[in-house]
Structures are given as structure tokens and as C-alpha cells.
């Protein structure tokens, strides 16, 4: 199975594959068929191909423990909506605190570091099916989003700051909707070659960010974030990578649904989509601040 460059989705895919060991006989065979993309990634076809389907009986979906059921698109939509709602509410509160109480930097640090640690716990601690972990991440990212929104618009007077933030939000969800349309129409297909390219590109960008951070701290050299031509190009590259990352996120979520992964895995899907959305929003807002300056 192809994994996403998003570490959350990569771990989520592995977690669902491990969950197949809990199934017995034909159901386990069907889960593996759907999970690894054979026979059109369909769990029903996987069951039929496994040799366990009997004449006169329709192929069945994998059966999970009685306290759970297979994940659906509705689960993904609802859990993602809840996650983004928490980010939005806490983000508004954090923005107000940054604006009125001057707490932008503390909230920025707490939110950024806390969100990063939460993603690590979810990814390496096998907590991809945890609603608590996903909502904790949403709370931290709300603090981060609110603070960073103030930092990028602090020199704008009056309601104009809200207009800029609103434009960045619209741009973020516009890109999200556009890439969902691209995925659904098959205009760009998620192939192993595409996944390898995206993974290598994102790793390269992360390395460049770390190098730029070291240069800014110790040598006062910050070409990737100083608002100049190189910084603008770098932000455009980051926006492009974040946008195309949605394709792999959608593909992994689609595979989990088709494979009949447990419904609680929808929280991991929501977490992965939130990570990409936050990255895209920050880069769009940063780029807008460059052009304003």
C-alpha cells in the first residue's frame, strides 16, 4: 500500500494494516485485499477472490468487533468538521488574547510545540484512533493559528487585519476544494512515483527550513523567510507541496474506507487533514504578508 508523505497518514495506514490481524478467516483476507489495493481496492472483491465466498451468497464486508463498525465517508467528514471547529474556536480566542493582552509569542510557542509533540505521540505512540489525541492537537493548533495570525497582521490597522485573515482562510479552503475536485476527477493520479517525489520534496523543504532556522539564530541569515524574492518563491513552493499533499491524504483516506477500517480511524484521518490544512493556511498568510510589505 502506498503511504502518504504526511506522517500522520503514513502511521494511520500502518495501524489499519495491523488491525487486520484481529480478523479471522475470510474477513482478514478481505481486509488485506482492500488495504493493499488488489482487485480495485474493494473489500467485497477481496472476499470473493480469497476463495471463501460460497455460491449463492453475496460477498460480505469484513466483520469487526461488536463495539466498532467499518469507517464511512460520513465518519471522516464529521470528525474532520469537529476537529476544525475546535481549531477555529480556540483560534479566535487566542487571536483576541494576542491582540488585547499581548500574549502572541507565549501562545505561539505553546501551540506550536504542543501540536508538534501531539503529532509525534499520535504517530509513534499508535494513537491514531484516539479522539482525545486529535482534539488535544486541535486545541494546541488553535492557539498556534490565533497567535500566528496576529503576528502576520499586527502592523495592519483596524478591520483590515480581519480581511487579510479571512482571505487566507478562503484561500486555504479554496485550495482544499480544488484538490478534492482534482482527486475525484482523476486529473492527477496518486501513483508510487508521485508519492516518492512528494516525500522527497517535503523532506528537502524541511531540511531547508531547519538550515534557515539555524542561520537566522546564529548568523542573522534568513533568506527563506525575510520577505525577499527567494522567500516568496520558497513560500510558493511550500503552498504547492501542501496542496498536492491533499491528493495523497485523500487517497489514503479513501483506501481506509474501502478496506473497511474501524470507524474510530476517522479521528486519525481528521488529524492528518488538519495538519495539512494548518500548514497551507500559515504559508498562504505568510505569502500575503510578503506582498503587503
C-alpha atoms as a PDB file:
ATOM      1  CA  UNK A   1       0.000   0.000   0.000  1.00  0.00           C
ATOM      2  CA  UNK A   2       1.244   3.493  -0.846  1.00  0.00           C
ATOM      3  CA  UNK A   3       1.857   5.663   2.191  1.00  0.00           C
ATOM      4  CA  UNK A   4       1.436   9.412   2.430  1.00  0.00           C
ATOM      5  CA  UNK A   5       4.238  11.907   2.935  1.00  0.00           C
ATOM      6  CA  UNK A   6       2.083  13.159   5.776  1.00  0.00           C
ATOM      7  CA  UNK A   7       3.495  11.179   8.752  1.00  0.00           C
ATOM      8  CA  UNK A   8       0.076  11.021  10.350  1.00  0.00           C
ATOM      9  CA  UNK A   9      -1.462   9.255   7.375  1.00  0.00           C
ATOM     10  CA  UNK A  10       1.555   7.013   6.961  1.00  0.00           C
ATOM     11  CA  UNK A  11       1.143   5.816  10.555  1.00  0.00           C
ATOM     12  CA  UNK A  12      -2.619   5.573  10.109  1.00  0.00           C
ATOM     13  CA  UNK A  13      -2.211   3.233   7.155  1.00  0.00           C
ATOM     14  CA  UNK A  14       0.181   1.024   9.079  1.00  0.00           C
ATOM     15  CA  UNK A  15      -2.149   0.996  12.086  1.00  0.00           C
ATOM     16  CA  UNK A  16      -5.101  -0.154   9.987  1.00  0.00           C
ATOM     17  CA  UNK A  17      -2.994  -2.892   8.462  1.00  0.00           C
ATOM     18  CA  UNK A  18      -2.112  -4.133  11.949  1.00  0.00           C
ATOM     19  CA  UNK A  19      -5.809  -4.062  12.781  1.00  0.00           C
ATOM     20  CA  UNK A  20      -6.385  -6.715  10.173  1.00  0.00           C
ATOM     21  CA  UNK A  21      -4.712  -9.285  12.421  1.00  0.00           C
ATOM     22  CA  UNK A  22      -7.771  -9.077  14.656  1.00  0.00           C
ATOM     23  CA  UNK A  23      -9.937 -10.531  11.903  1.00  0.00           C
ATOM     24  CA  UNK A  24     -10.384 -14.177  11.213  1.00  0.00           C
ATOM     25  CA  UNK A  25     -10.590 -16.305   8.077  1.00  0.00           C
ATOM     26  CA  UNK A  26     -12.332 -14.735   5.126  1.00  0.00           C
ATOM     27  CA  UNK A  27     -12.731 -11.334   6.771  1.00  0.00           C
ATOM     28  CA  UNK A  28      -8.963 -10.996   7.269  1.00  0.00           C
ATOM     29  CA  UNK A  29      -8.326 -11.957   3.656  1.00  0.00           C
ATOM     30  CA  UNK A  30     -10.855  -9.369   2.502  1.00  0.00           C
ATOM     31  CA  UNK A  31      -9.240  -6.674   4.670  1.00  0.00           C
ATOM     32  CA  UNK A  32      -5.801  -7.317   3.194  1.00  0.00           C
ATOM     33  CA  UNK A  33      -7.156  -7.337  -0.356  1.00  0.00           C
ATOM     34  CA  UNK A  34      -8.764  -3.945   0.137  1.00  0.00           C
ATOM     35  CA  UNK A  35      -5.866  -2.498   2.136  1.00  0.00           C
ATOM     36  CA  UNK A  36      -3.165  -3.269  -0.372  1.00  0.00           C
ATOM     37  CA  UNK A  37      -5.103  -2.194  -3.408  1.00  0.00           C
ATOM     38  CA  UNK A  38      -5.756  -5.524  -5.127  1.00  0.00           C
ATOM     39  CA  UNK A  39      -8.876  -6.060  -7.247  1.00  0.00           C
ATOM     40  CA  UNK A  40      -9.704  -2.356  -7.379  1.00  0.00           C
ATOM     41  CA  UNK A  41      -9.211  -1.869  -3.618  1.00  0.00           C
ATOM     42  CA  UNK A  42     -12.672  -3.244  -2.836  1.00  0.00           C
ATOM     43  CA  UNK A  43     -13.229  -5.301   0.289  1.00  0.00           C
ATOM     44  CA  UNK A  44     -16.097  -7.181  -1.339  1.00  0.00           C
ATOM     45  CA  UNK A  45     -13.957  -8.203  -4.294  1.00  0.00           C
ATOM     46  CA  UNK A  46     -11.141  -9.142  -1.905  1.00  0.00           C
ATOM     47  CA  UNK A  47     -13.508 -11.500  -0.094  1.00  0.00           C
ATOM     48  CA  UNK A  48     -14.623 -13.102  -3.314  1.00  0.00           C
ATOM     49  CA  UNK A  49     -11.049 -13.518  -4.519  1.00  0.00           C
ATOM     50  CA  UNK A  50      -9.990 -15.080  -1.220  1.00  0.00           C
ATOM     51  CA  UNK A  51     -11.859 -18.258  -2.095  1.00  0.00           C
ATOM     52  CA  UNK A  52     -14.135 -18.131   0.925  1.00  0.00           C
ATOM     53  CA  UNK A  53     -17.236 -16.835  -0.838  1.00  0.00           C
ATOM     54  CA  UNK A  54     -19.792 -19.592  -1.259  1.00  0.00           C
ATOM     55  CA  UNK A  55     -22.099 -19.993  -4.255  1.00  0.00           C
ATOM     56  CA  UNK A  56     -25.435 -18.291  -3.728  1.00  0.00           C
ATOM     57  CA  UNK A  57     -24.096 -15.855  -1.140  1.00  0.00           C
ATOM     58  CA  UNK A  58     -23.132 -12.261  -1.770  1.00  0.00           C
ATOM     59  CA  UNK A  59     -19.591 -11.199  -0.883  1.00  0.00           C
ATOM     60  CA  UNK A  60     -19.515  -9.583   2.525  1.00  0.00           C
ATOM     61  CA  UNK A  61     -17.644  -6.721   4.078  1.00  0.00           C
ATOM     62  CA  UNK A  62     -15.099  -7.543   6.805  1.00  0.00           C
ATOM     63  CA  UNK A  63     -16.627  -8.013  10.229  1.00  0.00           C
ATOM     64  CA  UNK A  64     -15.083  -6.120  13.110  1.00  0.00           C
ATOM     65  CA  UNK A  65     -15.524  -6.319  16.838  1.00  0.00           C
ATOM     66  CA  UNK A  66     -19.045  -5.637  18.066  1.00  0.00           C
ATOM     67  CA  UNK A  67     -18.026  -2.310  19.597  1.00  0.00           C
ATOM     68  CA  UNK A  68     -16.987  -0.826  16.278  1.00  0.00           C
ATOM     69  CA  UNK A  69     -18.027  -0.746  12.645  1.00  0.00           C
ATOM     70  CA  UNK A  70     -16.367  -0.029   9.297  1.00  0.00           C
ATOM     71  CA  UNK A  71     -15.442   3.581   8.643  1.00  0.00           C
ATOM     72  CA  UNK A  72     -17.510   5.618   6.191  1.00  0.00           C
ATOM     73  CA  UNK A  73     -17.061   8.931   4.390  1.00  0.00           C
ATOM     74  CA  UNK A  74     -19.608  10.436   6.784  1.00  0.00           C
ATOM     75  CA  UNK A  75     -17.332   9.499   9.683  1.00  0.00           C
ATOM     76  CA  UNK A  76     -14.416  11.259   8.023  1.00  0.00           C
ATOM     77  CA  UNK A  77     -16.484  14.389   7.297  1.00  0.00           C
ATOM     78  CA  UNK A  78     -17.963  14.614  10.799  1.00  0.00           C
ATOM     79  CA  UNK A  79     -14.690  14.008  12.655  1.00  0.00           C
ATOM     80  CA  UNK A  80     -12.819  16.448  10.429  1.00  0.00           C
ATOM     81  CA  UNK A  81     -15.540  19.041  10.961  1.00  0.00           C
ATOM     82  CA  UNK A  82     -15.316  18.664  14.741  1.00  0.00           C
ATOM     83  CA  UNK A  83     -11.523  18.952  14.645  1.00  0.00           C
ATOM     84  CA  UNK A  84     -11.579  22.088  12.500  1.00  0.00           C
ATOM     85  CA  UNK A  85     -14.333  23.548  14.668  1.00  0.00           C
ATOM     86  CA  UNK A  86     -12.159  23.208  17.774  1.00  0.00           C
ATOM     87  CA  UNK A  87      -9.227  24.810  15.938  1.00  0.00           C
ATOM     88  CA  UNK A  88     -11.424  27.704  14.810  1.00  0.00           C
ATOM     89  CA  UNK A  89     -12.989  28.430  18.225  1.00  0.00           C
ATOM     90  CA  UNK A  90      -9.707  28.304  20.137  1.00  0.00           C
ATOM     91  CA  UNK A  91      -8.004  30.196  17.314  1.00  0.00           C
ATOM     92  CA  UNK A  92     -10.452  33.084  17.702  1.00  0.00           C
ATOM     93  CA  UNK A  93      -9.869  33.156  21.473  1.00  0.00           C
ATOM     94  CA  UNK A  94      -6.084  33.032  21.003  1.00  0.00           C
ATOM     95  CA  UNK A  95      -6.216  35.850  18.447  1.00  0.00           C
ATOM     96  CA  UNK A  96      -8.204  38.004  20.863  1.00  0.00           C
ATOM     97  CA  UNK A  97      -5.731  37.283  23.685  1.00  0.00           C
ATOM     98  CA  UNK A  98      -2.816  38.097  21.388  1.00  0.00           C
ATOM     99  CA  UNK A  99      -4.446  41.345  20.325  1.00  0.00           C
ATOM    100  CA  UNK A 100      -5.638  42.565  23.736  1.00  0.00           C
ATOM    101  CA  UNK A 101      -3.177  41.035  26.201  1.00  0.00           C
ATOM    102  CA  UNK A 102      -0.002  40.804  24.138  1.00  0.00           C
ATOM    103  CA  UNK A 103       0.259  37.027  24.527  1.00  0.00           C
ATOM    104  CA  UNK A 104       1.108  36.265  20.918  1.00  0.00           C
ATOM    105  CA  UNK A 105       4.573  34.806  21.485  1.00  0.00           C
ATOM    106  CA  UNK A 106       3.690  32.619  24.509  1.00  0.00           C
ATOM    107  CA  UNK A 107       0.643  31.239  22.708  1.00  0.00           C
ATOM    108  CA  UNK A 108       2.679  30.743  19.542  1.00  0.00           C
ATOM    109  CA  UNK A 109       5.310  28.718  21.373  1.00  0.00           C
ATOM    110  CA  UNK A 110       2.856  26.685  23.446  1.00  0.00           C
ATOM    111  CA  UNK A 111       0.650  25.945  20.468  1.00  0.00           C
ATOM    112  CA  UNK A 112       3.447  25.132  18.049  1.00  0.00           C
ATOM    113  CA  UNK A 113       5.465  22.928  20.395  1.00  0.00           C
ATOM    114  CA  UNK A 114       2.377  21.285  21.884  1.00  0.00           C
ATOM    115  CA  UNK A 115       0.943  20.499  18.455  1.00  0.00           C
ATOM    116  CA  UNK A 116       4.241  19.042  17.277  1.00  0.00           C
ATOM    117  CA  UNK A 117       4.549  16.805  20.338  1.00  0.00           C
ATOM    118  CA  UNK A 118       0.940  15.662  19.955  1.00  0.00           C
ATOM    119  CA  UNK A 119       1.552  14.619  16.353  1.00  0.00           C
ATOM    120  CA  UNK A 120       4.614  12.658  17.447  1.00  0.00           C
ATOM    121  CA  UNK A 121       2.575  10.911  20.153  1.00  0.00           C
ATOM    122  CA  UNK A 122      -0.174  10.087  17.664  1.00  0.00           C
ATOM    123  CA  UNK A 123       2.259   8.866  15.016  1.00  0.00           C
ATOM    124  CA  UNK A 124       4.729   6.843  17.063  1.00  0.00           C
ATOM    125  CA  UNK A 125       2.506   6.042  20.042  1.00  0.00           C
ATOM    126  CA  UNK A 126      -0.122   4.347  17.860  1.00  0.00           C
ATOM    127  CA  UNK A 127      -2.852   6.735  18.981  1.00  0.00           C
ATOM    128  CA  UNK A 128      -4.301   7.319  15.530  1.00  0.00           C
ATOM    129  CA  UNK A 129      -7.763   6.158  16.598  1.00  0.00           C
ATOM    130  CA  UNK A 130      -7.904   8.408  19.652  1.00  0.00           C
ATOM    131  CA  UNK A 131     -10.452  11.214  19.684  1.00  0.00           C
ATOM    132  CA  UNK A 132      -8.707  12.702  22.739  1.00  0.00           C
ATOM    133  CA  UNK A 133      -5.329  12.977  20.981  1.00  0.00           C
ATOM    134  CA  UNK A 134      -6.876  14.534  17.876  1.00  0.00           C
ATOM    135  CA  UNK A 135      -8.830  17.105  19.885  1.00  0.00           C
ATOM    136  CA  UNK A 136      -5.770  17.949  22.009  1.00  0.00           C
ATOM    137  CA  UNK A 137      -3.889  18.597  18.770  1.00  0.00           C
ATOM    138  CA  UNK A 138      -6.768  20.787  17.597  1.00  0.00           C
ATOM    139  CA  UNK A 139      -6.602  22.798  20.834  1.00  0.00           C
ATOM    140  CA  UNK A 140      -2.851  23.389  20.503  1.00  0.00           C
ATOM    141  CA  UNK A 141      -3.151  24.292  16.831  1.00  0.00           C
ATOM    142  CA  UNK A 142      -5.948  26.707  17.673  1.00  0.00           C
ATOM    143  CA  UNK A 143      -3.543  28.537  19.981  1.00  0.00           C
ATOM    144  CA  UNK A 144      -0.885  28.498  17.279  1.00  0.00           C
ATOM    145  CA  UNK A 145      -3.203  29.644  14.488  1.00  0.00           C
ATOM    146  CA  UNK A 146      -4.629  32.508  16.535  1.00  0.00           C
ATOM    147  CA  UNK A 147      -1.201  33.743  17.598  1.00  0.00           C
ATOM    148  CA  UNK A 148       0.448  33.424  14.210  1.00  0.00           C
ATOM    149  CA  UNK A 149      -2.485  35.206  12.567  1.00  0.00           C
ATOM    150  CA  UNK A 150      -1.872  38.170  14.865  1.00  0.00           C
ATOM    151  CA  UNK A 151       1.883  38.118  14.254  1.00  0.00           C
ATOM    152  CA  UNK A 152       1.449  38.282  10.469  1.00  0.00           C
ATOM    153  CA  UNK A 153      -1.162  41.066  10.641  1.00  0.00           C
ATOM    154  CA  UNK A 154      -0.023  43.054  13.690  1.00  0.00           C
ATOM    155  CA  UNK A 155       1.024  46.049  11.566  1.00  0.00           C
ATOM    156  CA  UNK A 156      -2.404  46.332   9.922  1.00  0.00           C
ATOM    157  CA  UNK A 157      -4.827  48.791  11.442  1.00  0.00           C
ATOM    158  CA  UNK A 158      -8.492  48.232  12.217  1.00  0.00           C
ATOM    159  CA  UNK A 159     -10.661  45.711  10.427  1.00  0.00           C
ATOM    160  CA  UNK A 160      -8.166  45.286   7.603  1.00  0.00           C
ATOM    161  CA  UNK A 161      -6.364  42.576   9.616  1.00  0.00           C
ATOM    162  CA  UNK A 162      -9.566  40.559   9.748  1.00  0.00           C
ATOM    163  CA  UNK A 163      -9.968  40.957   5.984  1.00  0.00           C
ATOM    164  CA  UNK A 164      -6.473  39.600   5.355  1.00  0.00           C
ATOM    165  CA  UNK A 165      -7.058  36.637   7.693  1.00  0.00           C
ATOM    166  CA  UNK A 166     -10.407  35.965   6.041  1.00  0.00           C
ATOM    167  CA  UNK A 167      -8.775  35.961   2.611  1.00  0.00           C
ATOM    168  CA  UNK A 168      -6.161  33.470   3.829  1.00  0.00           C
ATOM    169  CA  UNK A 169      -8.888  31.204   5.214  1.00  0.00           C
ATOM    170  CA  UNK A 170     -10.855  31.382   1.966  1.00  0.00           C
ATOM    171  CA  UNK A 171      -7.694  30.656   0.018  1.00  0.00           C
ATOM    172  CA  UNK A 172      -6.932  27.639   2.189  1.00  0.00           C
ATOM    173  CA  UNK A 173     -10.344  26.057   1.773  1.00  0.00           C
ATOM    174  CA  UNK A 174     -10.387  27.039  -1.876  1.00  0.00           C
ATOM    175  CA  UNK A 175      -7.213  25.045  -2.441  1.00  0.00           C
ATOM    176  CA  UNK A 176      -8.658  22.175  -0.399  1.00  0.00           C
ATOM    177  CA  UNK A 177     -11.833  22.107  -2.507  1.00  0.00           C
ATOM    178  CA  UNK A 178      -9.849  22.403  -5.725  1.00  0.00           C
ATOM    179  CA  UNK A 179      -7.563  19.488  -4.881  1.00  0.00           C
ATOM    180  CA  UNK A 180     -10.570  17.393  -3.818  1.00  0.00           C
ATOM    181  CA  UNK A 181     -12.067  18.058  -7.261  1.00  0.00           C
ATOM    182  CA  UNK A 182      -8.757  17.135  -8.901  1.00  0.00           C
ATOM    183  CA  UNK A 183      -8.647  13.889  -6.926  1.00  0.00           C
ATOM    184  CA  UNK A 184     -12.252  12.952  -7.654  1.00  0.00           C
ATOM    185  CA  UNK A 185     -11.885  13.592 -11.387  1.00  0.00           C
ATOM    186  CA  UNK A 186      -8.601  11.676 -11.577  1.00  0.00           C
ATOM    187  CA  UNK A 187      -6.842  14.612 -13.263  1.00  0.00           C
ATOM    188  CA  UNK A 188      -3.753  13.777 -11.183  1.00  0.00           C
ATOM    189  CA  UNK A 189      -3.370  10.183 -10.107  1.00  0.00           C
ATOM    190  CA  UNK A 190      -1.612   9.184  -6.896  1.00  0.00           C
ATOM    191  CA  UNK A 191       0.976   6.686  -8.082  1.00  0.00           C
ATOM    192  CA  UNK A 192       4.011   5.252  -6.265  1.00  0.00           C
ATOM    193  CA  UNK A 193       6.243   7.524  -8.341  1.00  0.00           C
ATOM    194  CA  UNK A 194       4.162  10.577  -7.390  1.00  0.00           C
ATOM    195  CA  UNK A 195       4.297   9.599  -3.716  1.00  0.00           C
ATOM    196  CA  UNK A 196       8.077   9.138  -3.780  1.00  0.00           C
ATOM    197  CA  UNK A 197       8.538  12.517  -5.453  1.00  0.00           C
ATOM    198  CA  UNK A 198       6.323  14.302  -2.929  1.00  0.00           C
ATOM    199  CA  UNK A 199       8.005  12.612   0.026  1.00  0.00           C
ATOM    200  CA  UNK A 200      11.465  13.581  -1.225  1.00  0.00           C
ATOM    201  CA  UNK A 201      10.338  17.162  -1.921  1.00  0.00           C
ATOM    202  CA  UNK A 202       8.820  17.622   1.535  1.00  0.00           C
ATOM    203  CA  UNK A 203      11.904  16.196   3.228  1.00  0.00           C
ATOM    204  CA  UNK A 204      14.016  18.624   1.205  1.00  0.00           C
ATOM    205  CA  UNK A 205      11.833  21.560   2.254  1.00  0.00           C
ATOM    206  CA  UNK A 206      12.039  20.547   5.929  1.00  0.00           C
ATOM    207  CA  UNK A 207      15.838  20.341   5.728  1.00  0.00           C
ATOM    208  CA  UNK A 208      15.970  23.793   4.124  1.00  0.00           C
ATOM    209  CA  UNK A 209      13.712  25.191   6.861  1.00  0.00           C
ATOM    210  CA  UNK A 210      15.945  23.785   9.584  1.00  0.00           C
ATOM    211  CA  UNK A 211      19.048  25.153   7.888  1.00  0.00           C
ATOM    212  CA  UNK A 212      17.399  28.559   7.535  1.00  0.00           C
ATOM    213  CA  UNK A 213      16.404  28.491  11.210  1.00  0.00           C
ATOM    214  CA  UNK A 214      19.979  27.785  12.284  1.00  0.00           C
ATOM    215  CA  UNK A 215      21.236  30.557  10.011  1.00  0.00           C
ATOM    216  CA  UNK A 216      18.707  33.036  11.382  1.00  0.00           C
ATOM    217  CA  UNK A 217      19.519  32.241  15.029  1.00  0.00           C
ATOM    218  CA  UNK A 218      23.316  32.119  14.875  1.00  0.00           C
ATOM    219  CA  UNK A 219      24.294  34.124  11.771  1.00  0.00           C
ATOM    220  CA  UNK A 220      21.391  36.526  11.201  1.00  0.00           C
ATOM    221  CA  UNK A 221      20.971  34.959   7.752  1.00  0.00           C
ATOM    222  CA  UNK A 222      17.324  34.327   6.883  1.00  0.00           C
ATOM    223  CA  UNK A 223      16.851  34.227   3.094  1.00  0.00           C
ATOM    224  CA  UNK A 224      13.844  31.861   3.137  1.00  0.00           C
ATOM    225  CA  UNK A 225      11.747  33.996   5.471  1.00  0.00           C
ATOM    226  CA  UNK A 226      12.916  37.595   5.008  1.00  0.00           C
ATOM    227  CA  UNK A 227      10.219  38.589   2.519  1.00  0.00           C
ATOM    228  CA  UNK A 228      12.571  38.876  -0.441  1.00  0.00           C
ATOM    229  CA  UNK A 229      12.271  37.173  -3.857  1.00  0.00           C
ATOM    230  CA  UNK A 230      13.781  33.910  -2.580  1.00  0.00           C
ATOM    231  CA  UNK A 231      11.361  33.878   0.359  1.00  0.00           C
ATOM    232  CA  UNK A 232       8.395  34.445  -1.967  1.00  0.00           C
ATOM    233  CA  UNK A 233       9.471  31.585  -4.225  1.00  0.00           C
ATOM    234  CA  UNK A 234      10.002  29.310  -1.230  1.00  0.00           C
ATOM    235  CA  UNK A 235       6.523  30.089   0.125  1.00  0.00           C
ATOM    236  CA  UNK A 236       5.003  29.344  -3.286  1.00  0.00           C
ATOM    237  CA  UNK A 237       6.820  26.002  -3.315  1.00  0.00           C
ATOM    238  CA  UNK A 238       5.515  25.198   0.185  1.00  0.00           C
ATOM    239  CA  UNK A 239       1.965  26.105  -0.850  1.00  0.00           C
ATOM    240  CA  UNK A 240       2.270  23.848  -3.890  1.00  0.00           C
ATOM    241  CA  UNK A 241       3.569  20.934  -1.832  1.00  0.00           C
ATOM    242  CA  UNK A 242       0.834  21.378   0.772  1.00  0.00           C
ATOM    243  CA  UNK A 243      -1.797  21.457  -1.972  1.00  0.00           C
ATOM    244  CA  UNK A 244      -0.576  18.282  -3.668  1.00  0.00           C
ATOM    245  CA  UNK A 245      -0.233  16.610  -0.271  1.00  0.00           C
ATOM    246  CA  UNK A 246      -4.028  16.696  -0.125  1.00  0.00           C
ATOM    247  CA  UNK A 247      -4.124  14.227  -3.010  1.00  0.00           C
ATOM    248  CA  UNK A 248      -2.196  11.630  -1.001  1.00  0.00           C
ATOM    249  CA  UNK A 249      -4.265  12.387   2.090  1.00  0.00           C
ATOM    250  CA  UNK A 250      -7.481  11.834   0.136  1.00  0.00           C
ATOM    251  CA  UNK A 251      -6.085   8.657  -1.383  1.00  0.00           C
ATOM    252  CA  UNK A 252      -5.123   7.178   1.970  1.00  0.00           C
ATOM    253  CA  UNK A 253      -8.492   8.096   3.492  1.00  0.00           C
ATOM    254  CA  UNK A 254     -10.279   6.551   0.518  1.00  0.00           C
ATOM    255  CA  UNK A 255      -8.290   3.342   0.870  1.00  0.00           C
ATOM    256  CA  UNK A 256      -9.114   3.078   4.557  1.00  0.00           C
ATOM    257  CA  UNK A 257     -12.830   3.448   3.823  1.00  0.00           C
ATOM    258  CA  UNK A 258     -12.715   0.890   1.024  1.00  0.00           C
ATOM    259  CA  UNK A 259     -10.755  -1.516   3.207  1.00  0.00           C
ATOM    260  CA  UNK A 260     -13.387  -1.351   5.939  1.00  0.00           C
ATOM    261  CA  UNK A 261     -11.058   0.091   8.577  1.00  0.00           C
ATOM    262  CA  UNK A 262     -12.667   0.662  12.018  1.00  0.00           C
ATOM    263  CA  UNK A 263     -14.759   3.830  12.267  1.00  0.00           C
ATOM    264  CA  UNK A 264     -12.566   5.209  15.058  1.00  0.00           C
ATOM    265  CA  UNK A 265      -9.766   5.545  12.495  1.00  0.00           C
ATOM    266  CA  UNK A 266     -11.688   8.555  11.168  1.00  0.00           C
ATOM    267  CA  UNK A 267     -10.115  10.564  14.005  1.00  0.00           C
ATOM    268  CA  UNK A 268      -6.696   9.808  12.535  1.00  0.00           C
ATOM    269  CA  UNK A 269      -7.889  10.917   9.098  1.00  0.00           C
ATOM    270  CA  UNK A 270      -9.168  14.148  10.642  1.00  0.00           C
ATOM    271  CA  UNK A 271      -5.806  14.708  12.334  1.00  0.00           C
ATOM    272  CA  UNK A 272      -3.898  14.168   9.093  1.00  0.00           C
ATOM    273  CA  UNK A 273      -6.100  16.569   7.126  1.00  0.00           C
ATOM    274  CA  UNK A 274      -5.824  19.176   9.897  1.00  0.00           C
ATOM    275  CA  UNK A 275      -2.014  19.009   9.780  1.00  0.00           C
ATOM    276  CA  UNK A 276      -2.009  19.768   6.045  1.00  0.00           C
ATOM    277  CA  UNK A 277      -4.660  22.489   6.343  1.00  0.00           C
ATOM    278  CA  UNK A 278      -2.750  24.299   9.090  1.00  0.00           C
ATOM    279  CA  UNK A 279       0.471  24.170   7.078  1.00  0.00           C
ATOM    280  CA  UNK A 280      -1.295  25.539   3.990  1.00  0.00           C
ATOM    281  CA  UNK A 281      -3.012  28.347   5.914  1.00  0.00           C
ATOM    282  CA  UNK A 282       0.213  29.521   7.539  1.00  0.00           C
ATOM    283  CA  UNK A 283       2.066  29.562   4.211  1.00  0.00           C
ATOM    284  CA  UNK A 284      -0.727  31.479   2.443  1.00  0.00           C
ATOM    285  CA  UNK A 285      -0.902  34.041   5.255  1.00  0.00           C
ATOM    286  CA  UNK A 286       2.889  34.378   5.240  1.00  0.00           C
ATOM    287  CA  UNK A 287       2.914  34.944   1.478  1.00  0.00           C
ATOM    288  CA  UNK A 288       0.206  37.592   1.792  1.00  0.00           C
ATOM    289  CA  UNK A 289       2.295  39.389   4.417  1.00  0.00           C
ATOM    290  CA  UNK A 290       5.239  39.451   1.978  1.00  0.00           C
ATOM    291  CA  UNK A 291       3.196  41.111  -0.758  1.00  0.00           C
ATOM    292  CA  UNK A 292       1.688  43.570   1.721  1.00  0.00           C
ATOM    293  CA  UNK A 293       5.158  44.607   2.836  1.00  0.00           C
END
